[in-house]
Amino acid sequence: MSGRYPPEAEGLILQAFDDDPTTSTRKAAADLGLSLWKVWSIMHRERRYPFHGLSWKCDECRGNCLFINEKSVNTVLSKKIDASLGQIKNEVPAIKDELLNHAVKETNPPADPPRYSDVLRNRTQPAIVIRPKNTNQSVTQTKTDILKSVDPVEANIHLGKVCDIKEGGIVLGCKSKADNLKLLSIAKEKLGDSYVIKEVAGINPRVRIVGLSGEYSDEQIRSYLLKGNPDVFCGDVECKVLKTYAVKKNRIFQSVLQIDRVSYVRVMKGTY
C-alpha cells in the first residue's frame, strides 16, 4: 500500500469499482482527492483490468486525460509502424539505385584509359618516367612509394595523365614544363636511391618537304620555312631538320622535319 494516498482509499476505490466501474469509481476518486493516475495504479496493482477501455476524465487535468485500453494503443502504434515501414520499403529501391550508380561512377575505370603513347605524344604535357631498380617490383608498390614521398598539393604540382608501364614503372604527365621539372627534382631527391627517374621528351610529329631543287643545309631549310610561313610557325615554335636526301631521279631533294604539335595542326587543317 502506497503512502501517496490514505490507507482506506484503496479499499474504497476497489469497492466503488465493483459497484460501478464508471460513475461510482469516478465519484469515489473525486471524494478522496485522488488523481486519475493514482486510481489507475490501484487498479493495475489489483489486476482490475476490465476498467481498461473505459473513458476516464478527471478534474485535475480539466478533462483532457483519457485512458485508452492497451489493445487500442497497440493498434494505433502498429498502424503507425506499418505506415513508416511501408514508406521505408518504397524508398529503399530508389536509394539503392542511387548508391549503386554513385559507386559505379566512383570506382569504374575510364572507358578509354590513357596509354603510354597518349602521355608521350602530347607535347603540351611533359612527362617523367619512374621505374624501380628492382624489376620484379609491382606497380602498386611503386605508386605507394611515390604517394609517400611526393605530395602534389604541397608542392603545387598539377599532374595530368598517369599510366602504368612494364617492370613496375609508371609515367606521370604534368600540365606544364615547370611542373615537370619540379616533379623531376623532388622525385630524384626522395626516390633516387631505389628508382630510375628521367624526363621524357614529347614526341613531336614529322612533316616532309618535297621538291627541293638543291641540297640545302639544315639551317637554310629551317630559316626558309619559318620566314616564309609566319602564319603557321608563330609563337613558341619547335622545328628541327632530321634529314635531307636526294630522290634518285633528277637530283630532286626531300627533307624530313620534326615540328611542334600546334604548328602541325595548323599545317594539316590549313587554319592559318
C-alpha atoms as a PDB file:
ATOM      1  CA  MET A   1       0.000   0.000   0.000  1.00  0.00           C
ATOM      2  CA  SER A   2       1.496   3.309  -1.071  1.00  0.00           C
ATOM      3  CA  GLY A   3       1.735   6.284   1.253  1.00  0.00           C
ATOM      4  CA  ARG A   4       0.728   8.619  -1.538  1.00  0.00           C
ATOM      5  CA  TYR A   5      -2.948   8.231  -0.658  1.00  0.00           C
ATOM      6  CA  PRO A   6      -4.919   7.420   2.545  1.00  0.00           C
ATOM      7  CA  PRO A   7      -4.829   3.753   3.663  1.00  0.00           C
ATOM      8  CA  GLU A   8      -8.560   3.378   3.266  1.00  0.00           C
ATOM      9  CA  ALA A   9      -8.516   4.792  -0.277  1.00  0.00           C
ATOM     10  CA  GLU A  10      -7.591   1.549  -1.974  1.00  0.00           C
ATOM     11  CA  GLY A  11     -10.479  -0.388  -0.437  1.00  0.00           C
ATOM     12  CA  LEU A  12     -12.974   2.370  -1.216  1.00  0.00           C
ATOM     13  CA  ILE A  13     -11.809   2.597  -4.824  1.00  0.00           C
ATOM     14  CA  LEU A  14     -11.998  -1.149  -5.337  1.00  0.00           C
ATOM     15  CA  GLN A  15     -15.454  -1.320  -3.731  1.00  0.00           C
ATOM     16  CA  ALA A  16     -16.664   1.536  -5.902  1.00  0.00           C
ATOM     17  CA  PHE A  17     -15.254  -0.196  -8.966  1.00  0.00           C
ATOM     18  CA  ASP A  18     -17.081  -3.411  -8.114  1.00  0.00           C
ATOM     19  CA  ASP A  19     -20.325  -1.429  -7.695  1.00  0.00           C
ATOM     20  CA  ASP A  20     -19.966   0.630 -10.856  1.00  0.00           C
ATOM     21  CA  PRO A  21     -16.728   0.782 -12.892  1.00  0.00           C
ATOM     22  CA  THR A  22     -17.608   4.202 -14.270  1.00  0.00           C
ATOM     23  CA  THR A  23     -19.769   6.559 -12.193  1.00  0.00           C
ATOM     24  CA  SER A  24     -19.114   5.169  -8.697  1.00  0.00           C
ATOM     25  CA  THR A  25     -15.377   4.817  -9.247  1.00  0.00           C
ATOM     26  CA  ARG A  26     -15.081   8.331 -10.637  1.00  0.00           C
ATOM     27  CA  LYS A  27     -17.094   9.767  -7.724  1.00  0.00           C
ATOM     28  CA  ALA A  28     -15.018   7.856  -5.154  1.00  0.00           C
ATOM     29  CA  ALA A  29     -11.820   9.154  -6.697  1.00  0.00           C
ATOM     30  CA  ALA A  30     -13.117  12.717  -6.580  1.00  0.00           C
ATOM     31  CA  ASP A  31     -14.246  12.352  -2.941  1.00  0.00           C
ATOM     32  CA  LEU A  32     -10.853  11.008  -1.906  1.00  0.00           C
ATOM     33  CA  GLY A  33      -8.973  13.655  -3.908  1.00  0.00           C
ATOM     34  CA  LEU A  34      -7.156  11.049  -5.978  1.00  0.00           C
ATOM     35  CA  SER A  35      -5.911  11.764  -9.455  1.00  0.00           C
ATOM     36  CA  LEU A  36      -6.771   9.527 -12.335  1.00  0.00           C
ATOM     37  CA  TRP A  37      -3.237   8.128 -12.366  1.00  0.00           C
ATOM     38  CA  LYS A  38      -3.429   7.069  -8.710  1.00  0.00           C
ATOM     39  CA  VAL A  39      -6.704   5.309  -9.382  1.00  0.00           C
ATOM     40  CA  TRP A  40      -5.113   3.584 -12.342  1.00  0.00           C
ATOM     41  CA  SER A  41      -2.169   2.407 -10.195  1.00  0.00           C
ATOM     42  CA  ILE A  42      -4.565   0.854  -7.683  1.00  0.00           C
ATOM     43  CA  MET A  43      -6.484  -0.955 -10.420  1.00  0.00           C
ATOM     44  CA  HIS A  44      -3.305  -2.117 -12.054  1.00  0.00           C
ATOM     45  CA  ARG A  45      -1.888  -3.470  -8.801  1.00  0.00           C
ATOM     46  CA  GLU A  46      -5.098  -5.387  -8.100  1.00  0.00           C
ATOM     47  CA  ARG A  47      -5.265  -6.523 -11.735  1.00  0.00           C
ATOM     48  CA  ARG A  48      -8.683  -4.989 -12.256  1.00  0.00           C
ATOM     49  CA  TYR A  49      -8.078  -4.771 -16.000  1.00  0.00           C
ATOM     50  CA  PRO A  50     -11.724  -4.648 -17.106  1.00  0.00           C
ATOM     51  CA  PHE A  51     -11.611  -0.929 -16.385  1.00  0.00           C
ATOM     52  CA  HIS A  52      -9.257  -0.563 -19.357  1.00  0.00           C
ATOM     53  CA  GLY A  53     -11.299   0.575 -22.274  1.00  0.00           C
ATOM     54  CA  LEU A  54     -13.482   2.940 -20.237  1.00  0.00           C
ATOM     55  CA  SER A  55     -13.181   6.626 -20.855  1.00  0.00           C
ATOM     56  CA  TRP A  56     -11.937   8.308 -17.682  1.00  0.00           C
ATOM     57  CA  LYS A  57     -11.712  12.029 -17.150  1.00  0.00           C
ATOM     58  CA  CYS A  58     -10.654  13.836 -14.029  1.00  0.00           C
ATOM     59  CA  ASP A  59     -10.948  17.371 -12.753  1.00  0.00           C
ATOM     60  CA  GLU A  60      -7.221  17.531 -12.065  1.00  0.00           C
ATOM     61  CA  CYS A  61      -6.334  17.784 -15.765  1.00  0.00           C
ATOM     62  CA  ARG A  62      -9.562  19.578 -16.669  1.00  0.00           C
ATOM     63  CA  GLY A  63     -10.961  16.644 -18.542  1.00  0.00           C
ATOM     64  CA  ASN A  64      -8.083  16.355 -21.021  1.00  0.00           C
ATOM     65  CA  CYS A  65      -6.676  12.995 -19.902  1.00  0.00           C
ATOM     66  CA  LEU A  66      -8.151   9.858 -21.392  1.00  0.00           C
ATOM     67  CA  PHE A  67      -7.454   6.257 -20.611  1.00  0.00           C
ATOM     68  CA  ILE A  68      -7.143   4.109 -23.700  1.00  0.00           C
ATOM     69  CA  ASN A  69      -7.001   0.384 -23.396  1.00  0.00           C
ATOM     70  CA  GLU A  70      -3.779  -1.422 -24.141  1.00  0.00           C
ATOM     71  CA  LYS A  71      -5.168  -3.074 -27.222  1.00  0.00           C
ATOM     72  CA  SER A  72      -6.163   0.264 -28.723  1.00  0.00           C
ATOM     73  CA  VAL A  73      -2.716   1.704 -28.043  1.00  0.00           C
ATOM     74  CA  ASN A  74      -1.035  -1.252 -29.682  1.00  0.00           C
ATOM     75  CA  THR A  75      -3.341  -0.962 -32.676  1.00  0.00           C
ATOM     76  CA  VAL A  76      -2.524   2.720 -33.158  1.00  0.00           C
ATOM     77  CA  LEU A  77       1.201   2.121 -32.780  1.00  0.00           C
ATOM     78  CA  SER A  78       1.098  -0.859 -35.123  1.00  0.00           C
ATOM     79  CA  LYS A  79      -0.602   1.223 -37.804  1.00  0.00           C
ATOM     80  CA  LYS A  80       1.991   3.971 -37.477  1.00  0.00           C
ATOM     81  CA  ILE A  81       4.849   1.479 -37.555  1.00  0.00           C
ATOM     82  CA  ASP A  82       3.381  -0.304 -40.584  1.00  0.00           C
ATOM     83  CA  ALA A  83       2.978   3.026 -42.383  1.00  0.00           C
ATOM     84  CA  SER A  84       6.585   4.002 -41.621  1.00  0.00           C
ATOM     85  CA  LEU A  85       7.893   0.605 -42.715  1.00  0.00           C
ATOM     86  CA  GLY A  86       5.879   0.823 -45.905  1.00  0.00           C
ATOM     87  CA  GLN A  87       7.341   4.222 -46.694  1.00  0.00           C
ATOM     88  CA  ILE A  88      10.863   2.979 -45.989  1.00  0.00           C
ATOM     89  CA  LYS A  89      10.344  -0.085 -48.193  1.00  0.00           C
ATOM     90  CA  ASN A  90       9.188   2.167 -51.023  1.00  0.00           C
ATOM     91  CA  GLU A  91      12.234   4.404 -50.671  1.00  0.00           C
ATOM     92  CA  VAL A  92      14.832   1.620 -50.364  1.00  0.00           C
ATOM     93  CA  PRO A  93      14.957   0.681 -54.101  1.00  0.00           C
ATOM     94  CA  ALA A  94      15.484   4.296 -55.154  1.00  0.00           C
ATOM     95  CA  ILE A  95      18.202   4.813 -52.531  1.00  0.00           C
ATOM     96  CA  LYS A  96      19.852   1.537 -53.544  1.00  0.00           C
ATOM     97  CA  ASP A  97      19.906   2.533 -57.225  1.00  0.00           C
ATOM     98  CA  GLU A  98      21.327   5.948 -56.378  1.00  0.00           C
ATOM     99  CA  LEU A  99      24.100   4.449 -54.239  1.00  0.00           C
ATOM    100  CA  LEU A 100      24.957   1.867 -56.896  1.00  0.00           C
ATOM    101  CA  ASN A 101      25.118   4.494 -59.621  1.00  0.00           C
ATOM    102  CA  HIS A 102      27.346   6.668 -57.438  1.00  0.00           C
ATOM    103  CA  ALA A 103      29.602   3.732 -56.594  1.00  0.00           C
ATOM    104  CA  VAL A 104      29.953   2.754 -60.251  1.00  0.00           C
ATOM    105  CA  LYS A 105      30.899   6.293 -61.232  1.00  0.00           C
ATOM    106  CA  GLU A 106      33.477   6.473 -58.443  1.00  0.00           C
ATOM    107  CA  THR A 107      35.086   3.059 -58.888  1.00  0.00           C
ATOM    108  CA  ASN A 108      34.821   2.194 -62.566  1.00  0.00           C
ATOM    109  CA  PRO A 109      37.975   2.896 -64.606  1.00  0.00           C
ATOM    110  CA  PRO A 110      37.641   5.278 -67.552  1.00  0.00           C
ATOM    111  CA  ALA A 111      36.265   3.714 -70.703  1.00  0.00           C
ATOM    112  CA  ASP A 112      39.458   4.605 -72.579  1.00  0.00           C
ATOM    113  CA  PRO A 113      42.370   4.602 -70.082  1.00  0.00           C
ATOM    114  CA  PRO A 114      45.460   6.559 -71.149  1.00  0.00           C
ATOM    115  CA  ARG A 115      48.193   4.600 -72.842  1.00  0.00           C
ATOM    116  CA  TYR A 116      51.935   5.162 -72.687  1.00  0.00           C
ATOM    117  CA  SER A 117      51.860   6.784 -76.107  1.00  0.00           C
ATOM    118  CA  ASP A 118      48.989   9.083 -75.100  1.00  0.00           C
ATOM    119  CA  VAL A 119      51.181  10.690 -72.478  1.00  0.00           C
ATOM    120  CA  LEU A 120      54.325  10.899 -74.546  1.00  0.00           C
ATOM    121  CA  ARG A 121      52.930  12.098 -77.838  1.00  0.00           C
ATOM    122  CA  ASN A 122      51.242  15.200 -76.399  1.00  0.00           C
ATOM    123  CA  ARG A 123      53.897  17.883 -76.422  1.00  0.00           C
ATOM    124  CA  THR A 124      51.761  20.117 -74.227  1.00  0.00           C
ATOM    125  CA  GLN A 125      52.039  17.556 -71.428  1.00  0.00           C
ATOM    126  CA  PRO A 126      55.654  16.831 -70.418  1.00  0.00           C
ATOM    127  CA  ALA A 127      56.215  13.631 -68.503  1.00  0.00           C
ATOM    128  CA  ILE A 128      58.680  11.734 -66.371  1.00  0.00           C
ATOM    129  CA  VAL A 129      59.258   8.008 -66.057  1.00  0.00           C
ATOM    130  CA  ILE A 130      59.730   6.473 -62.603  1.00  0.00           C
ATOM    131  CA  ARG A 131      60.925   2.890 -62.818  1.00  0.00           C
ATOM    132  CA  PRO A 132      62.086   0.748 -59.847  1.00  0.00           C
ATOM    133  CA  LYS A 133      65.603  -0.632 -59.934  1.00  0.00           C
ATOM    134  CA  ASN A 134      64.088  -3.907 -58.751  1.00  0.00           C
ATOM    135  CA  THR A 135      62.418  -5.039 -61.961  1.00  0.00           C
ATOM    136  CA  ASN A 136      60.255  -7.557 -60.074  1.00  0.00           C
ATOM    137  CA  GLN A 137      58.516  -4.836 -58.068  1.00  0.00           C
ATOM    138  CA  SER A 138      54.795  -4.311 -58.646  1.00  0.00           C
ATOM    139  CA  VAL A 139      53.271  -1.113 -59.986  1.00  0.00           C
ATOM    140  CA  THR A 140      51.174  -0.886 -56.825  1.00  0.00           C
ATOM    141  CA  GLN A 141      54.304  -0.676 -54.676  1.00  0.00           C
ATOM    142  CA  THR A 142      55.742   1.982 -56.978  1.00  0.00           C
ATOM    143  CA  LYS A 143      52.629   4.112 -56.650  1.00  0.00           C
ATOM    144  CA  THR A 144      52.644   3.668 -52.868  1.00  0.00           C
ATOM    145  CA  ASP A 145      56.251   4.864 -52.628  1.00  0.00           C
ATOM    146  CA  ILE A 146      55.524   7.871 -54.833  1.00  0.00           C
ATOM    147  CA  LEU A 147      52.490   8.893 -52.786  1.00  0.00           C
ATOM    148  CA  LYS A 148      54.538   8.671 -49.582  1.00  0.00           C
ATOM    149  CA  SER A 149      57.379  10.759 -50.990  1.00  0.00           C
ATOM    150  CA  VAL A 150      55.721  13.282 -53.299  1.00  0.00           C
ATOM    151  CA  ASP A 151      52.767  15.447 -52.283  1.00  0.00           C
ATOM    152  CA  PRO A 152      51.476  17.220 -55.435  1.00  0.00           C
ATOM    153  CA  VAL A 153      49.274  19.538 -53.370  1.00  0.00           C
ATOM    154  CA  GLU A 154      52.054  20.666 -51.074  1.00  0.00           C
ATOM    155  CA  ALA A 155      54.484  21.054 -53.979  1.00  0.00           C
ATOM    156  CA  ASN A 156      51.813  22.784 -56.103  1.00  0.00           C
ATOM    157  CA  ILE A 157      52.336  20.381 -58.988  1.00  0.00           C
ATOM    158  CA  HIS A 158      49.492  19.931 -61.469  1.00  0.00           C
ATOM    159  CA  LEU A 159      49.539  16.343 -62.660  1.00  0.00           C
ATOM    160  CA  GLY A 160      47.908  15.197 -65.867  1.00  0.00           C
ATOM    161  CA  LYS A 161      47.710  11.678 -67.193  1.00  0.00           C
ATOM    162  CA  VAL A 162      49.209   8.747 -65.311  1.00  0.00           C
ATOM    163  CA  CYS A 163      49.725   5.296 -66.767  1.00  0.00           C
ATOM    164  CA  ASP A 164      51.498   2.062 -65.887  1.00  0.00           C
ATOM    165  CA  ILE A 165      54.428   0.683 -67.840  1.00  0.00           C
ATOM    166  CA  LYS A 166      56.368  -2.562 -67.696  1.00  0.00           C
ATOM    167  CA  GLU A 167      58.731  -3.629 -64.914  1.00  0.00           C
ATOM    168  CA  GLY A 168      56.733  -1.837 -62.210  1.00  0.00           C
ATOM    169  CA  GLY A 169      57.201   1.650 -63.614  1.00  0.00           C
ATOM    170  CA  ILE A 170      54.766   4.489 -64.216  1.00  0.00           C
ATOM    171  CA  VAL A 171      54.635   7.602 -66.359  1.00  0.00           C
ATOM    172  CA  LEU A 172      53.489  10.853 -64.748  1.00  0.00           C
ATOM    173  CA  GLY A 173      52.372  13.621 -67.069  1.00  0.00           C
ATOM    174  CA  CYS A 174      52.410  17.244 -65.869  1.00  0.00           C
ATOM    175  CA  LYS A 175      50.392  20.210 -67.082  1.00  0.00           C
ATOM    176  CA  SER A 176      53.441  22.392 -67.712  1.00  0.00           C
ATOM    177  CA  LYS A 177      57.177  22.200 -68.242  1.00  0.00           C
ATOM    178  CA  ALA A 178      57.753  23.973 -64.908  1.00  0.00           C
ATOM    179  CA  ASP A 179      55.656  21.388 -63.044  1.00  0.00           C
ATOM    180  CA  ASN A 180      57.517  18.620 -64.819  1.00  0.00           C
ATOM    181  CA  LEU A 181      60.915  19.962 -63.748  1.00  0.00           C
ATOM    182  CA  LYS A 182      59.682  20.421 -60.173  1.00  0.00           C
ATOM    183  CA  LEU A 183      58.351  16.855 -60.034  1.00  0.00           C
ATOM    184  CA  LEU A 184      61.574  15.532 -61.550  1.00  0.00           C
ATOM    185  CA  SER A 185      63.661  17.298 -58.895  1.00  0.00           C
ATOM    186  CA  ILE A 186      61.536  16.098 -55.953  1.00  0.00           C
ATOM    187  CA  ALA A 187      61.326  12.526 -57.257  1.00  0.00           C
ATOM    188  CA  LYS A 188      65.102  12.283 -57.727  1.00  0.00           C
ATOM    189  CA  GLU A 189      65.702  13.664 -54.240  1.00  0.00           C
ATOM    190  CA  LYS A 190      63.214  11.389 -52.477  1.00  0.00           C
ATOM    191  CA  LEU A 191      63.278   8.251 -54.637  1.00  0.00           C
ATOM    192  CA  GLY A 192      66.625   8.352 -56.426  1.00  0.00           C
ATOM    193  CA  ASP A 193      68.165   5.549 -54.362  1.00  0.00           C
ATOM    194  CA  SER A 194      65.579   2.946 -55.353  1.00  0.00           C
ATOM    195  CA  TYR A 195      64.263   4.243 -58.672  1.00  0.00           C
ATOM    196  CA  VAL A 196      65.494   5.268 -62.097  1.00  0.00           C
ATOM    197  CA  ILE A 197      63.898   8.638 -62.812  1.00  0.00           C
ATOM    198  CA  LYS A 198      64.170  10.520 -66.069  1.00  0.00           C
ATOM    199  CA  GLU A 199      62.370  13.115 -68.098  1.00  0.00           C
ATOM    200  CA  VAL A 200      60.634  12.035 -71.274  1.00  0.00           C
ATOM    201  CA  ALA A 201      60.628  14.478 -74.122  1.00  0.00           C
ATOM    202  CA  GLY A 202      57.402  14.708 -76.041  1.00  0.00           C
ATOM    203  CA  ILE A 203      57.336  13.003 -79.420  1.00  0.00           C
ATOM    204  CA  ASN A 204      56.606  15.677 -81.987  1.00  0.00           C
ATOM    205  CA  PRO A 205      55.046  14.912 -85.367  1.00  0.00           C
ATOM    206  CA  ARG A 206      57.054  14.934 -88.553  1.00  0.00           C
ATOM    207  CA  VAL A 207      56.477  16.568 -91.918  1.00  0.00           C
ATOM    208  CA  ARG A 208      58.188  16.102 -95.249  1.00  0.00           C
ATOM    209  CA  ILE A 209      59.192  18.873 -97.636  1.00  0.00           C
ATOM    210  CA  VAL A 210      59.466  17.650-101.214  1.00  0.00           C
ATOM    211  CA  GLY A 211      60.641  19.165-104.472  1.00  0.00           C
ATOM    212  CA  LEU A 212      63.775  20.900-103.220  1.00  0.00           C
ATOM    213  CA  SER A 213      65.963  21.851-106.159  1.00  0.00           C
ATOM    214  CA  GLY A 214      69.207  21.673-104.221  1.00  0.00           C
ATOM    215  CA  GLU A 215      70.823  20.144-101.208  1.00  0.00           C
ATOM    216  CA  TYR A 216      70.382  22.914 -98.654  1.00  0.00           C
ATOM    217  CA  SER A 217      71.809  22.921 -95.155  1.00  0.00           C
ATOM    218  CA  ASP A 218      69.611  22.263 -92.152  1.00  0.00           C
ATOM    219  CA  GLU A 219      69.782  25.897 -91.084  1.00  0.00           C
ATOM    220  CA  GLN A 220      68.846  27.142 -94.570  1.00  0.00           C
ATOM    221  CA  ILE A 221      65.801  24.874 -94.761  1.00  0.00           C
ATOM    222  CA  ARG A 222      64.673  25.868 -91.290  1.00  0.00           C
ATOM    223  CA  SER A 223      65.156  29.575 -91.981  1.00  0.00           C
ATOM    224  CA  TYR A 224      63.293  29.469 -95.312  1.00  0.00           C
ATOM    225  CA  LEU A 225      60.432  27.513 -93.766  1.00  0.00           C
ATOM    226  CA  LEU A 226      59.908  29.743 -90.731  1.00  0.00           C
ATOM    227  CA  LYS A 227      60.347  33.077 -92.506  1.00  0.00           C
ATOM    228  CA  GLY A 228      58.190  32.070 -95.456  1.00  0.00           C
ATOM    229  CA  ASN A 229      55.251  30.861 -93.316  1.00  0.00           C
ATOM    230  CA  PRO A 230      54.868  33.291 -90.391  1.00  0.00           C
ATOM    231  CA  ASP A 231      51.145  32.495 -90.020  1.00  0.00           C
ATOM    232  CA  VAL A 232      51.891  28.820 -89.461  1.00  0.00           C
ATOM    233  CA  PHE A 233      55.071  28.935 -87.422  1.00  0.00           C
ATOM    234  CA  CYS A 234      54.388  31.562 -84.789  1.00  0.00           C
ATOM    235  CA  GLY A 235      54.761  31.718 -81.045  1.00  0.00           C
ATOM    236  CA  ASP A 236      56.737  29.003 -79.262  1.00  0.00           C
ATOM    237  CA  VAL A 237      57.845  27.088 -82.357  1.00  0.00           C
ATOM    238  CA  GLU A 238      59.906  23.931 -82.447  1.00  0.00           C
ATOM    239  CA  CYS A 239      61.368  22.965 -85.783  1.00  0.00           C
ATOM    240  CA  LYS A 240      64.205  20.517 -86.304  1.00  0.00           C
ATOM    241  CA  VAL A 241      65.548  19.173 -89.585  1.00  0.00           C
ATOM    242  CA  LEU A 242      66.084  15.444 -89.174  1.00  0.00           C
ATOM    243  CA  LYS A 243      67.488  14.602 -92.575  1.00  0.00           C
ATOM    244  CA  THR A 244      67.707  15.769 -96.184  1.00  0.00           C
ATOM    245  CA  TYR A 245      68.249  13.337 -99.023  1.00  0.00           C
ATOM    246  CA  ALA A 246      68.126  13.149-102.805  1.00  0.00           C
ATOM    247  CA  VAL A 247      65.481  11.402-104.830  1.00  0.00           C
ATOM    248  CA  LYS A 248      67.001   9.006-107.332  1.00  0.00           C
ATOM    249  CA  LYS A 249      65.708  10.774-110.400  1.00  0.00           C
ATOM    250  CA  ASN A 250      66.613  14.285-111.493  1.00  0.00           C
ATOM    251  CA  ARG A 251      68.524  15.095-108.338  1.00  0.00           C
ATOM    252  CA  ILE A 252      65.423  16.380-106.527  1.00  0.00           C
ATOM    253  CA  PHE A 253      65.786  16.594-102.771  1.00  0.00           C
ATOM    254  CA  GLN A 254      63.426  15.972 -99.873  1.00  0.00           C
ATOM    255  CA  SER A 255      63.701  16.983 -96.246  1.00  0.00           C
ATOM    256  CA  VAL A 256      62.118  15.489 -93.118  1.00  0.00           C
ATOM    257  CA  LEU A 257      61.427  17.853 -90.233  1.00  0.00           C
ATOM    258  CA  GLN A 258      60.057  17.496 -86.732  1.00  0.00           C
ATOM    259  CA  ILE A 259      57.766  20.336 -85.630  1.00  0.00           C
ATOM    260  CA  ASP A 260      55.636  21.146 -82.599  1.00  0.00           C
ATOM    261  CA  ARG A 261      52.077  19.866 -82.453  1.00  0.00           C
ATOM    262  CA  VAL A 262      50.422  23.284 -82.656  1.00  0.00           C
ATOM    263  CA  SER A 263      52.199  24.110 -85.881  1.00  0.00           C
ATOM    264  CA  TYR A 264      51.496  20.609 -87.186  1.00  0.00           C
ATOM    265  CA  VAL A 265      47.754  21.049 -86.616  1.00  0.00           C
ATOM    266  CA  ARG A 266      47.841  24.362 -88.485  1.00  0.00           C
ATOM    267  CA  VAL A 267      49.606  22.708 -91.400  1.00  0.00           C
ATOM    268  CA  MET A 268      47.217  19.752 -91.576  1.00  0.00           C
ATOM    269  CA  LYS A 269      43.994  21.722 -91.107  1.00  0.00           C
ATOM    270  CA  GLY A 270      45.036  24.798 -93.014  1.00  0.00           C
ATOM    271  CA  THR A 271      43.930  27.013 -90.093  1.00  0.00           C
ATOM    272  CA  TYR A 272      46.449  29.797 -90.544  1.00  0.00           C
END
